[in-house]
Amino acid sequence: MTRAASDTLSVGRVFGTAYEHDGTWLVPVAKVVGGTGSGSGVGSAGGSGVPGRGKRGESTAEVAAAPHGESEGSGGGGGFGAMVRPLGVYVVDDAGVHWRPALDLNRAILGGQAVAIVVSLSLAWVLRRRFR
């Protein structure tokens, strides 16, 4: 899992492979966010071996199912996640270095919807006050 995290959260993900097109160099840039976590546990739940007298609120069936009133267990797990969002591209040409941001269409649409909701609510409020 460490190798996967290292490969995913590398500089190559943020600054993509530069390439040339008609004498102009392009360097793609992205924002990379990632996280990982893991955990494990080992434990035993001892019981008295007498039905109805288990520990930690165990039922009679749980106590009777464990041999001699005791049970042990262990477990573990882990996970990894990453999010890559394109930010734009650096354009290197004869005129210099220029930044061209990427258009995030989802954010543009969400912003337009938020503005439309605010305008609609404001208009409804004004019309209610005017026609009272």
Foldseek 3Di string as FASTA:
>chain_A
DVVVVDVQPDVCLAWPDWDDDPQKIKIWGKDKDKDKDKDKDKDKFAQQLDQPGGPPPDHSVVQPPDVNRMDIDMDMDMDMDMDIGTFFMWIQHPVGIDTDGDDDVVVVVVVVVVVVVVVVVVVVVVVVVVVD
